Protein backbone atom coordinates (compact mmCIF):
# COMPACT_ATOMS: atom_id res chain seq x y z
CA MET A 1 11.95 -45.87 4.69
CA SER A 2 12.59 -43.97 7.93
CA PHE A 3 13.75 -45.54 11.17
CA ARG A 4 13.45 -43.77 14.50
CA GLY A 5 15.05 -45.20 17.59
CA SER A 6 14.39 -44.40 21.22
CA ASN A 7 17.12 -41.76 21.16
CA THR A 8 15.30 -39.87 18.41
CA GLU A 9 12.01 -40.01 20.31
CA GLU A 10 13.65 -38.69 23.46
CA ARG A 11 15.34 -35.86 21.59
CA LEU A 12 12.07 -34.84 19.90
CA LYS A 13 10.31 -34.94 23.27
CA LYS A 14 12.99 -32.71 24.75
CA ILE A 15 12.78 -30.29 21.83
CA ASN A 16 9.00 -30.07 22.22
CA GLN A 17 9.39 -29.36 25.93
CA GLN A 18 11.89 -26.59 25.20
CA ILE A 19 9.60 -25.06 22.59
CA ASN A 20 6.66 -25.09 25.01
CA GLU A 21 8.77 -23.39 27.64
CA THR A 22 9.15 -20.46 25.25
CA TYR A 23 5.36 -20.46 24.76
CA ASP A 24 4.95 -19.78 28.49
CA LEU A 25 6.44 -16.35 27.95
CA GLN A 26 3.74 -13.68 27.61
CA GLY A 27 3.63 -11.23 24.74
CA GLY A 28 6.16 -11.00 21.95
CA ILE A 29 5.51 -13.58 19.27
CA ASN A 30 2.94 -15.55 21.27
CA HIS A 31 -0.82 -15.32 20.88
CA VAL A 32 -2.12 -18.16 23.04
CA ASP A 33 -5.59 -18.39 24.65
CA GLY A 34 -6.69 -15.19 22.94
CA ILE A 35 -9.38 -14.60 20.32
CA ASN A 36 -8.28 -15.88 16.94
CA LEU A 37 -6.22 -13.47 14.88
CA PRO A 38 -7.15 -12.70 11.27
CA SER A 39 -6.30 -15.51 8.88
CA HIS A 40 -3.50 -14.55 6.50
CA VAL A 41 -4.75 -17.09 3.96
CA GLU A 42 -8.34 -15.85 4.06
CA VAL A 43 -7.40 -12.15 3.95
CA ILE A 44 -5.39 -12.79 0.78
CA ASP A 45 -8.27 -14.74 -0.75
CA ILE A 46 -10.67 -11.91 0.14
CA ILE A 47 -8.57 -9.31 -1.65
CA LYS A 48 -8.32 -11.63 -4.66
CA LYS A 49 -12.11 -11.91 -4.73
CA MET A 50 -12.34 -8.14 -4.31
CA MET A 51 -10.11 -7.73 -7.37
CA GLN A 52 -12.65 -9.77 -9.34
CA LEU A 53 -15.42 -7.41 -8.24
CA LEU A 54 -13.31 -4.42 -9.19
CA PHE A 55 -12.27 -5.86 -12.58
CA PRO A 56 -14.97 -8.34 -13.70
CA GLY A 57 -13.76 -10.68 -16.41
CA PHE A 58 -10.06 -10.12 -15.70
CA TYR A 59 -9.02 -12.06 -12.62
CA GLY A 60 -11.59 -14.85 -12.37
CA VAL A 61 -12.00 -18.10 -14.31
CA GLU A 62 -15.75 -17.80 -14.94
CA ARG A 63 -17.03 -16.41 -18.22
CA ILE A 64 -18.78 -13.16 -17.36
CA HIS A 65 -21.49 -11.83 -19.70
CA SER A 66 -24.47 -9.53 -19.42
CA GLY A 67 -26.80 -12.45 -18.78
CA ASN A 68 -25.07 -13.60 -15.60
CA LEU A 69 -23.32 -10.42 -14.45
CA ASN A 70 -25.91 -9.42 -11.84
CA SER A 71 -26.16 -12.86 -10.23
CA TRP A 72 -22.38 -13.36 -10.42
CA SER A 73 -21.61 -10.05 -8.70
CA ALA A 74 -24.35 -10.61 -6.08
CA TYR A 75 -22.90 -14.01 -5.20
CA LEU A 76 -19.34 -12.70 -5.02
CA LEU A 77 -20.38 -9.61 -3.06
CA ASP A 78 -22.17 -11.74 -0.47
CA MET A 79 -19.15 -14.04 -0.14
CA VAL A 80 -16.71 -11.17 0.29
CA TYR A 81 -19.00 -9.42 2.77
CA HIS A 82 -19.30 -12.38 5.17
CA ARG A 83 -15.65 -13.33 4.98
CA LEU A 84 -14.40 -9.76 5.32
CA LYS A 85 -16.73 -9.16 8.28
CA ARG A 86 -15.29 -12.22 10.00
CA GLN A 87 -11.71 -11.06 9.48
CA ILE A 88 -12.47 -7.49 10.56
CA THR A 89 -14.15 -8.86 13.69
CA ARG A 90 -11.03 -10.84 14.50
CA SER A 91 -8.89 -7.84 13.72
CA ILE A 92 -10.64 -5.45 16.12
CA CYS A 93 -11.27 -8.15 18.76
CA PHE A 94 -7.81 -9.67 19.11
CA GLY A 95 -7.08 -7.59 22.19
CA CYS A 96 -10.54 -7.51 23.78
CA ASP A 97 -12.34 -9.82 26.20
CA ASP A 98 -15.35 -11.99 25.43
CA GLU A 99 -17.77 -9.55 27.09
CA ASN A 100 -17.14 -6.97 24.34
CA HIS A 101 -17.26 -9.48 21.51
CA ARG A 102 -20.88 -8.81 20.49
CA GLN A 103 -20.25 -5.06 20.38
CA HIS A 104 -17.26 -5.57 18.11
CA VAL A 105 -19.20 -7.90 15.83
CA SER A 106 -21.73 -5.11 15.31
CA GLU A 107 -18.90 -2.63 14.66
CA ALA A 108 -17.31 -5.02 12.15
CA GLU A 109 -20.64 -5.35 10.32
CA ARG A 110 -20.93 -1.57 10.04
CA ILE A 111 -17.36 -1.17 8.79
CA THR A 112 -17.68 -4.00 6.28
CA LEU A 113 -20.85 -2.56 4.77
CA GLU A 114 -19.29 0.91 4.56
CA VAL A 115 -16.24 -0.48 2.75
CA MET A 116 -18.39 -2.48 0.34
CA GLU A 117 -20.41 0.66 -0.41
CA GLN A 118 -17.20 2.30 -1.63
CA ILE A 119 -16.65 -0.27 -4.42
CA PRO A 120 -18.45 1.79 -7.14
CA ARG A 121 -16.36 4.87 -6.24
CA ILE A 122 -13.15 2.82 -6.16
CA ARG A 123 -13.97 1.46 -9.62
CA THR A 124 -14.39 5.01 -10.90
CA LEU A 125 -10.95 5.91 -9.55
CA LEU A 126 -9.37 2.75 -10.96
CA LYS A 127 -10.76 3.47 -14.42
CA LYS A 128 -8.87 6.77 -14.33
CA ASP A 129 -5.73 5.05 -12.99
CA VAL A 130 -5.83 2.52 -15.82
CA ASN A 131 -6.31 5.25 -18.39
CA ALA A 132 -3.40 7.23 -16.89
CA ALA A 133 -1.18 4.17 -17.38
CA TYR A 134 -2.41 3.67 -20.93
CA ILE A 135 -1.84 7.25 -22.07
CA GLY A 136 1.32 7.63 -19.98
CA ASP A 137 3.20 4.61 -21.31
CA PRO A 138 3.91 4.46 -25.07
CA ALA A 139 4.46 0.71 -24.72
CA ALA A 140 0.90 0.10 -23.53
CA GLN A 141 -1.18 -1.43 -26.31
CA SER A 142 -4.58 -1.52 -24.61
CA HIS A 143 -6.40 -0.94 -21.36
CA GLU A 144 -6.78 -4.70 -21.07
CA GLU A 145 -3.01 -5.16 -21.22
CA VAL A 146 -2.57 -2.56 -18.49
CA ILE A 147 -5.03 -4.29 -16.14
CA LEU A 148 -3.72 -7.79 -16.77
CA SER A 149 0.02 -7.15 -16.73
CA TYR A 150 0.94 -3.90 -14.99
CA PRO A 151 1.84 -4.51 -11.33
CA ALA A 152 1.08 -0.89 -10.48
CA ILE A 153 -2.62 -1.37 -11.24
CA GLN A 154 -2.83 -4.30 -8.86
CA ALA A 155 -0.91 -2.39 -6.18
CA ILE A 156 -3.05 0.73 -6.57
CA ALA A 157 -6.30 -1.27 -6.57
CA MET A 158 -5.37 -3.08 -3.35
CA TYR A 159 -4.20 0.20 -1.84
CA ARG A 160 -7.55 1.85 -2.57
CA VAL A 161 -9.38 -0.98 -0.78
CA ALA A 162 -6.93 -1.00 2.15
CA HIS A 163 -7.22 2.79 2.43
CA GLU A 164 -10.95 2.49 3.14
CA LEU A 165 -10.16 0.08 5.99
CA TYR A 166 -7.44 2.43 7.24
CA LEU A 167 -9.87 5.36 7.34
CA ARG A 168 -12.09 3.24 9.61
CA LYS A 169 -9.17 2.39 11.90
CA VAL A 170 -9.19 -1.35 11.21
CA PRO A 171 -5.91 -2.84 12.50
CA LEU A 172 -4.04 -5.88 11.16
CA VAL A 173 -6.19 -6.66 8.10
CA THR A 174 -5.38 -3.27 6.59
CA ARG A 175 -1.63 -3.83 6.66
CA MET A 176 -1.99 -7.49 5.70
CA ILE A 177 -3.60 -6.39 2.43
CA SER A 178 -1.02 -3.69 1.71
CA GLU A 179 1.92 -5.98 2.49
CA TYR A 180 0.44 -8.70 0.27
CA ALA A 181 0.35 -6.12 -2.53
CA HIS A 182 3.96 -5.20 -1.70
CA THR A 183 5.04 -8.84 -1.84
CA LYS A 184 3.19 -9.45 -5.10
CA THR A 185 4.19 -6.29 -6.97
CA GLY A 186 7.34 -4.88 -5.35
CA ILE A 187 5.43 -1.62 -4.75
CA ASP A 188 5.05 -0.52 -1.13
CA ILE A 189 2.11 1.84 -0.61
CA HIS A 190 1.07 2.41 2.98
CA PRO A 191 -2.74 2.33 3.23
CA GLY A 192 -2.71 5.62 5.11
CA ALA A 193 -1.36 7.60 2.16
CA LYS A 194 -3.78 9.98 0.43
CA ILE A 195 -3.63 9.52 -3.34
CA GLY A 196 -5.65 11.43 -5.91
CA GLU A 197 -7.05 10.55 -9.33
CA SER A 198 -5.26 9.28 -12.44
CA PHE A 199 -2.26 7.94 -10.52
CA PHE A 200 0.39 6.06 -12.53
CA ILE A 201 3.44 4.14 -11.36
CA ASP A 202 5.58 3.08 -14.33
CA HIS A 203 7.53 -0.18 -13.87
CA GLY A 204 7.08 0.20 -10.12
CA THR A 205 9.72 -2.02 -8.55
CA GLY A 206 11.07 -0.51 -5.34
CA VAL A 207 8.58 2.37 -5.05
CA VAL A 208 7.90 3.31 -1.41
CA ILE A 209 5.05 5.64 -0.40
CA GLY A 210 4.82 6.41 3.32
CA GLU A 211 1.80 6.59 5.57
CA THR A 212 1.35 10.37 5.69
CA CYS A 213 2.11 11.08 2.04
CA GLU A 214 -0.36 13.25 0.19
CA ILE A 215 -0.36 12.83 -3.59
CA GLY A 216 -2.48 14.94 -5.89
CA ASP A 217 -4.11 14.18 -9.24
CA HIS A 218 -2.30 13.14 -12.43
CA VAL A 219 0.96 12.25 -10.69
CA LYS A 220 3.40 9.91 -12.43
CA ILE A 221 6.09 7.98 -10.57
CA TYR A 222 8.85 5.75 -11.91
CA GLN A 223 10.61 2.83 -10.26
CA MET A 224 12.74 3.09 -7.08
CA VAL A 225 11.14 6.37 -5.95
CA THR A 226 10.99 6.84 -2.18
CA LEU A 227 8.52 9.20 -0.53
CA GLY A 228 9.72 8.81 3.03
CA ALA A 229 10.34 10.36 6.41
CA LEU A 230 13.33 12.62 6.98
CA SER A 231 13.77 11.85 10.67
CA PHE A 232 11.83 10.40 13.57
CA GLN A 233 11.04 12.31 16.73
CA LYS A 234 11.74 10.43 19.98
CA ASP A 235 10.21 10.81 23.43
CA ALA A 236 12.11 11.20 26.71
CA SER A 237 12.63 7.44 26.88
CA GLY A 238 14.13 7.27 23.43
CA ASN A 239 11.09 5.63 21.82
CA LEU A 240 9.84 6.78 18.43
CA VAL A 241 6.86 9.14 18.60
CA LYS A 242 4.17 7.73 16.36
CA GLY A 243 1.75 9.82 14.29
CA GLY A 244 2.17 13.29 12.82
CA LYS A 245 2.98 14.31 9.25
CA ARG A 246 6.26 12.56 8.40
CA HIS A 247 6.11 12.15 4.64
CA PRO A 248 6.06 14.64 1.74
CA THR A 249 3.20 16.20 -0.18
CA ILE A 250 3.21 15.83 -3.98
CA GLU A 251 0.90 18.26 -5.73
CA ASP A 252 -0.99 17.76 -9.02
CA ASP A 253 0.68 16.95 -12.36
CA VAL A 254 4.11 16.11 -10.90
CA VAL A 255 6.52 13.60 -12.48
CA LEU A 256 9.03 11.79 -10.24
CA TYR A 257 11.74 9.98 -12.22
CA ALA A 258 13.50 6.77 -11.27
CA GLY A 259 15.47 6.64 -8.06
CA CYS A 260 14.60 10.05 -6.69
CA THR A 261 14.15 10.34 -2.93
CA ILE A 262 11.85 12.93 -1.34
CA LEU A 263 11.78 13.11 2.43
CA GLY A 264 10.05 15.00 5.22
CA GLY A 265 6.56 15.90 6.33
CA LYS A 266 7.08 19.59 5.56
CA THR A 267 8.46 18.93 2.07
CA VAL A 268 6.08 19.95 -0.72
CA ILE A 269 6.71 19.33 -4.42
CA GLY A 270 4.77 22.09 -6.17
CA ARG A 271 2.34 21.25 -8.93
CA ASP A 272 3.55 20.72 -12.49
CA SER A 273 7.12 20.03 -11.31
CA VAL A 274 9.54 17.40 -12.61
CA ILE A 275 12.06 15.72 -10.30
CA GLY A 276 14.87 13.99 -12.17
CA GLY A 277 16.38 10.59 -11.51
CA ASN A 278 18.47 10.02 -8.36
CA VAL A 279 17.73 13.48 -6.98
CA TRP A 280 17.62 13.73 -3.17
CA ILE A 281 15.17 16.32 -1.83
CA THR A 282 14.47 17.40 1.75
CA ARG A 283 13.12 20.92 1.09
CA SER A 284 10.02 22.16 -0.68
CA VAL A 285 10.07 22.84 -4.41
CA GLU A 286 8.09 25.66 -6.02
CA PRO A 287 5.43 24.85 -8.64
CA GLY A 288 6.64 24.40 -12.21
CA THR A 289 10.22 23.54 -11.21
CA VAL A 290 12.53 21.01 -12.87
CA ILE A 291 15.38 19.55 -10.83
CA THR A 292 18.10 17.34 -12.30
CA PHE A 293 21.40 15.95 -11.05
CA ASP A 294 24.66 15.96 -13.03
CA VAL A 295 26.52 12.89 -11.78
CA GLY A 296 29.80 13.85 -13.38
CA LYS A 297 29.91 17.32 -11.84
CA GLN A 298 28.01 16.29 -8.68
CA GLU A 299 25.77 19.30 -9.23
CA TYR A 300 22.05 19.83 -8.92
CA HIS A 301 20.41 21.98 -11.58
CA ARG A 302 17.14 23.70 -10.81
CA PHE A 303 15.15 25.66 -13.39
CA ASN A 304 11.61 26.38 -14.44
CA LYS A 305 9.88 24.53 -17.27
CA GLU A 306 10.81 27.20 -19.81
CA LYS A 307 14.46 26.07 -19.26
CA LYS A 308 15.36 29.47 -17.85
CA VAL A 309 17.72 28.98 -14.96
CA ASP A 310 16.40 31.00 -12.05
CA PHE A 311 18.60 29.44 -9.37
CA ASP A 312 22.36 29.17 -9.15
CA TYR A 313 24.00 25.81 -9.63
CA PHE A 314 24.94 24.31 -6.31
CA GLN A 315 26.84 21.28 -5.09
CA GLY A 316 26.08 18.83 -2.32
CA SER A 317 24.38 15.60 -1.45
CA GLY A 318 20.83 16.88 -1.73
CA ILE A 319 18.38 19.73 -1.87
């Protein structure tokens, strides 16, 4: 049983007054009297429903069979469409006035339909991603195991949806989806990254892929890999300049082993290269190159795939 005396009531009243005084401040962490922001709860539920459309029979509780597949997908598609349109409308309207609301509703409808039209293509890509995981991991026993238990597949699937929203310049919702995937899987893929076919992230924990990364086909990445920015340009006032190519390009058939860090918008890892664990790279690497790091000698070794050393050994903190 709880007892509250007059002193408690007065203190709570005072606290509420103090809280409301902070609400009077404009901007920052306030969003008062504006159009409703996207719902975090609903956006997460939408991407969960989208995962059911992408992988029927895997993430839902209903029994899916050929007899009900068409009606099931039609019902789910309609649900996702209306809910996603509502959240996109809120996302693009949060900073506009009521006079422009109808225009933005029409824009949200167009964007939502365009994103939904990409689902067949996304499924084609995901089938290749799942197969890349299956053939790339000797521990994988089946495609079903990969879909149900590999966090990378969930992260990549949500990325591919978020990327379509990013291409259409949808704010808020796009990052909400990608950060939900990050929270759920430990894999941080910015929706702006460009990622090719048959992409596989093994284990996955701690992988970071920046906004302007470009990743080719048949690329394999292990845990704790960072594809990041080398430095950030600032304007005359000392503020970071946004935009521009800040993150590396990874060409086709590259393997990036655990813990390697590759930085810089001008850095290109040439096709068919292998970057060893814990290697730090800030300069481009020619195609067909293998780079390893000898911890004991604090030396980087760089050679082509035929194991013929064509560069001198060198020491330092990175390439």
